[in-house]
C-alpha cells in the first residue's frame, strides 16, 4: 500500500494553484493596463496605480463630497473595489485628503490650476444632449459654475471647453440639467461629461 506523503502532495497542490494564478493573471493583466475609469486626482498612471492600490478604501471613506466609490465587479476582478470617481451627486474639490490617507502612494500631489499634472479627466460636450445646442439661449449654467474658467461661450452662446484649464473637477456635470429636461427621450446622460485622458485623446484623434 503506497505511503501518503503530505509534504509532496502539498507541494504539488501549491504548485498547481500558483500556476493557475499566474495564468489567470496573465489573462487579465492586459485588461488592467487598459482600464478606462476616472481615478482620484493625482492617481498614478493606470498600470502603476493598480500595482500599488491595495483596495483599502481609505480614500473613499475620507472623501468629503462622496465622489469616490468602489468599482464594481463589472470593471474586472482585479479592478473590483478600487476607487473610481462619479459626479452623479457632487464634484471634486481637490482637498488632497485622498492622497494623505493613501498608504501606498498610489495617489500623488496635484495642482487643480495645472491640469497637465494629474487631472482627473477632461470634460466633453454632447451636442445631442446639451440644452444650449438643442435650443439657443436655453442654458449655459455650466459656464458660470466652472470654478476654473475652463468653460466659455462661442458666438452662438454654446459652451466650449478649454482643455488647457479643465482638470475634470465635475462641477459642470453635477449641475447639468439635461438629464432632467430630456428624460423623456429615455436617457439619463447629461449634456457634459468628464472622461478619462485616454477617451479624450481618442475622441480628438477621431475628429
Protein backbone atom coordinates (compact mmCIF):
# COMPACT_ATOMS: atom_id res chain seq x y z
CA UNK A 1 0.00 0.00 0.00
CA UNK A 2 1.57 3.34 -1.02
CA UNK A 3 2.54 5.63 1.80
CA UNK A 4 0.94 9.09 1.76
CA UNK A 5 3.45 11.88 1.52
CA UNK A 6 1.67 15.06 2.72
CA UNK A 7 4.69 17.23 2.01
CA UNK A 8 4.90 16.15 -1.61
CA UNK A 9 1.12 16.36 -2.02
CA UNK A 10 1.04 19.87 -0.55
CA UNK A 11 3.88 20.91 -2.84
CA UNK A 12 2.05 19.62 -5.92
CA UNK A 13 -1.26 21.28 -4.97
CA UNK A 14 0.51 24.53 -4.13
CA UNK A 15 2.40 24.47 -7.41
CA UNK A 16 -0.77 23.88 -9.37
CA UNK A 17 -2.51 26.76 -7.59
CA UNK A 18 0.44 29.04 -8.27
CA UNK A 19 0.46 28.11 -11.95
CA UNK A 20 -3.29 28.74 -12.18
CA UNK A 21 -2.91 32.17 -10.61
CA UNK A 22 -0.08 33.07 -12.99
CA UNK A 23 -2.15 32.01 -16.00
CA UNK A 24 -5.17 33.95 -14.72
CA UNK A 25 -3.01 36.97 -14.00
CA UNK A 26 -1.52 36.88 -17.48
CA UNK A 27 -5.01 36.80 -18.91
CA UNK A 28 -6.28 39.85 -17.07
CA UNK A 29 -3.12 41.94 -16.95
CA UNK A 30 -3.62 43.50 -20.39
CA UNK A 31 -7.17 44.40 -19.36
CA UNK A 32 -5.88 46.04 -16.20
CA UNK A 33 -3.42 48.12 -18.18
CA UNK A 34 -6.23 49.27 -20.46
CA UNK A 35 -8.73 50.12 -17.72
CA UNK A 36 -10.62 53.27 -18.68
CA UNK A 37 -12.14 54.69 -15.49
CA UNK A 38 -11.80 58.00 -13.69
CA UNK A 39 -9.38 57.71 -10.80
CA UNK A 40 -8.84 60.08 -7.83
CA UNK A 41 -6.99 63.31 -8.63
CA UNK A 42 -3.26 62.72 -8.81
CA UNK A 43 -3.60 58.96 -9.31
CA UNK A 44 -0.59 57.32 -10.92
CA UNK A 45 -0.85 56.01 -14.49
CA UNK A 46 -3.27 53.07 -14.53
CA UNK A 47 -0.73 50.22 -14.55
CA UNK A 48 1.29 51.82 -11.74
CA UNK A 49 -1.88 52.66 -9.81
CA UNK A 50 -3.10 49.06 -9.99
CA UNK A 51 0.32 47.80 -8.88
CA UNK A 52 0.09 49.92 -5.71
CA UNK A 53 -3.59 50.11 -4.82
CA UNK A 54 -4.44 47.60 -2.07
CA UNK A 55 -8.20 48.34 -2.14
CA UNK A 56 -8.21 49.57 1.43
CA UNK A 57 -10.92 52.13 0.53
CA UNK A 58 -9.44 54.77 2.82
CA UNK A 59 -9.62 57.36 0.06
CA UNK A 60 -13.30 56.53 -0.44
CA UNK A 61 -14.18 56.85 3.23
CA UNK A 62 -12.36 60.17 3.66
CA UNK A 63 -13.78 61.92 0.56
CA UNK A 64 -15.82 64.90 1.85
CA UNK A 65 -18.01 65.16 -1.24
CA UNK A 66 -18.51 61.39 -1.72
CA UNK A 67 -17.41 61.41 -5.35
CA UNK A 68 -15.22 58.36 -4.80
CA UNK A 69 -16.79 54.93 -4.84
CA UNK A 70 -15.53 51.35 -5.21
CA UNK A 71 -15.56 49.96 -8.72
CA UNK A 72 -17.93 47.04 -9.14
CA UNK A 73 -17.13 43.57 -10.40
CA UNK A 74 -18.17 44.66 -13.90
CA UNK A 75 -14.86 46.50 -14.11
CA UNK A 76 -12.92 43.24 -13.82
CA UNK A 77 -11.83 41.03 -10.94
CA UNK A 78 -8.57 42.80 -10.25
CA UNK A 79 -10.11 46.26 -10.52
CA UNK A 80 -13.06 45.49 -8.25
CA UNK A 81 -13.13 47.70 -5.13
CA UNK A 82 -10.52 50.10 -6.47
CA UNK A 83 -11.58 53.77 -6.23
CA UNK A 84 -13.32 55.49 -9.13
CA UNK A 85 -14.83 58.95 -9.44
CA UNK A 86 -18.54 59.55 -10.01
CA UNK A 87 -20.05 63.01 -10.38
CA UNK A 88 -23.68 61.91 -10.07
CA UNK A 89 -24.14 63.85 -6.84
CA UNK A 90 -21.25 66.24 -6.35
CA UNK A 91 -17.86 67.41 -7.63
CA UNK A 92 -14.22 67.12 -6.55
CA UNK A 93 -12.75 70.00 -4.54
CA UNK A 94 -9.15 68.74 -4.78
CA UNK A 95 -8.95 68.75 -0.98
CA UNK A 96 -5.97 66.33 -1.13
CA UNK A 97 -7.40 64.09 1.61
CA UNK A 98 -7.34 61.00 -0.64
CA UNK A 99 -3.61 61.43 -1.17
CA UNK A 100 -2.97 61.99 2.53
CA UNK A 101 -4.59 58.72 3.61
CA UNK A 102 -3.29 56.51 0.78
CA UNK A 103 -0.82 54.08 2.45
CA UNK A 104 0.94 53.04 -0.76
CA UNK A 105 1.40 56.39 -2.55
CA UNK A 106 -0.88 55.28 -5.40
CA UNK A 107 -2.16 58.86 -5.38
CA UNK A 108 0.22 61.76 -5.83
CA UNK A 109 0.03 65.51 -5.39
CA UNK A 110 -1.99 67.51 -7.88
CA UNK A 111 -2.49 71.19 -8.64
CA UNK A 112 -6.05 71.88 -9.88
CA UNK A 113 -4.76 75.01 -11.64
CA UNK A 114 -2.16 72.99 -13.53
CA UNK A 115 -4.27 70.28 -15.24
CA UNK A 116 -1.26 68.90 -17.08
CA UNK A 117 -0.10 67.50 -13.73
CA UNK A 118 -2.57 64.88 -12.56
CA UNK A 119 -6.03 65.98 -13.56
CA UNK A 120 -8.96 63.60 -13.09
CA UNK A 121 -10.01 63.80 -16.74
CA UNK A 122 -11.37 66.28 -19.26
CA UNK A 123 -14.90 67.48 -19.93
CA UNK A 124 -16.54 66.87 -23.29
CA UNK A 125 -19.90 68.18 -24.53
CA UNK A 126 -22.62 66.00 -26.01
CA UNK A 127 -24.33 68.14 -28.60
CA UNK A 128 -27.29 65.77 -28.79
CA UNK A 129 -27.95 66.24 -25.06
CA UNK A 130 -26.69 69.73 -24.19
CA UNK A 131 -29.65 72.11 -23.97
CA UNK A 132 -27.60 75.01 -25.33
CA UNK A 133 -27.04 73.07 -28.55
CA UNK A 134 -30.65 71.94 -28.78
CA UNK A 135 -32.14 75.39 -28.29
CA UNK A 136 -30.29 78.71 -28.44
CA UNK A 137 -30.04 80.64 -25.15
CA UNK A 138 -31.77 77.82 -23.27
CA UNK A 139 -28.91 77.04 -20.89
CA UNK A 140 -25.27 77.72 -20.04
CA UNK A 141 -25.14 77.32 -16.28
CA UNK A 142 -22.02 75.16 -16.60
CA UNK A 143 -20.07 78.13 -17.96
CA UNK A 144 -20.98 80.30 -14.98
CA UNK A 145 -20.40 77.50 -12.47
CA UNK A 146 -16.93 76.35 -13.57
CA UNK A 147 -14.55 77.39 -10.76
CA UNK A 148 -11.52 77.19 -13.05
CA UNK A 149 -12.86 79.20 -16.02
CA UNK A 150 -12.44 76.19 -18.28
CA UNK A 151 -15.78 76.81 -19.97
CA UNK A 152 -16.82 79.74 -22.14
CA UNK A 153 -19.42 80.55 -24.80
CA UNK A 154 -18.89 80.53 -28.54
CA UNK A 155 -20.54 83.04 -30.88
CA UNK A 156 -23.79 81.07 -30.75
CA UNK A 157 -23.76 81.03 -26.94
CA UNK A 158 -22.93 77.36 -26.78
CA UNK A 159 -20.44 76.04 -24.19
CA UNK A 160 -16.84 75.41 -25.23
CA UNK A 161 -14.32 73.51 -23.10
CA UNK A 162 -10.79 74.89 -22.72
CA UNK A 163 -8.72 71.71 -22.44
CA UNK A 164 -5.74 73.60 -21.02
CA UNK A 165 -7.78 74.71 -18.00
CA UNK A 166 -10.10 71.75 -17.45
CA UNK A 167 -9.00 69.49 -14.59
CA UNK A 168 -12.07 67.24 -14.57
CA UNK A 169 -13.48 68.51 -11.26
CA UNK A 170 -17.00 67.57 -12.37
CA UNK A 171 -18.78 70.73 -11.25
CA UNK A 172 -20.28 71.13 -14.73
CA UNK A 173 -21.51 67.53 -14.72
CA UNK A 174 -23.06 67.89 -11.29
CA UNK A 175 -25.24 70.86 -12.23
CA UNK A 176 -26.09 69.94 -15.82
CA UNK A 177 -29.92 69.75 -16.09
CA UNK A 178 -30.01 67.90 -19.40
CA UNK A 179 -30.78 64.54 -17.81
CA UNK A 180 -33.89 66.10 -16.26
CA UNK A 181 -35.21 68.13 -19.18
CA UNK A 182 -34.52 65.46 -21.79
CA UNK A 183 -35.52 62.48 -19.69
CA UNK A 184 -38.49 61.89 -21.97
CA UNK A 185 -36.07 60.52 -24.56
CA UNK A 186 -35.27 57.63 -22.29
CA UNK A 187 -31.69 58.51 -21.40
CA UNK A 188 -30.07 59.68 -18.19
CA UNK A 189 -26.89 61.10 -19.71
CA UNK A 190 -26.05 64.72 -19.09
CA UNK A 191 -25.06 67.28 -21.67
CA UNK A 192 -21.47 67.33 -20.45
CA UNK A 193 -19.29 64.51 -19.18
CA UNK A 194 -15.83 64.12 -17.70
CA UNK A 195 -13.93 61.35 -19.47
CA UNK A 196 -10.51 59.82 -18.95
CA UNK A 197 -7.45 61.14 -20.71
CA UNK A 198 -7.44 58.04 -22.88
CA UNK A 199 -11.03 58.55 -24.05
CA UNK A 200 -10.48 62.27 -24.54
CA UNK A 201 -7.43 61.73 -26.76
CA UNK A 202 -9.22 59.03 -28.76
CA UNK A 203 -12.04 61.49 -29.43
CA UNK A 204 -9.55 64.12 -30.56
CA UNK A 205 -7.94 61.66 -32.98
CA UNK A 206 -11.34 60.75 -34.40
CA UNK A 207 -12.19 64.38 -35.16
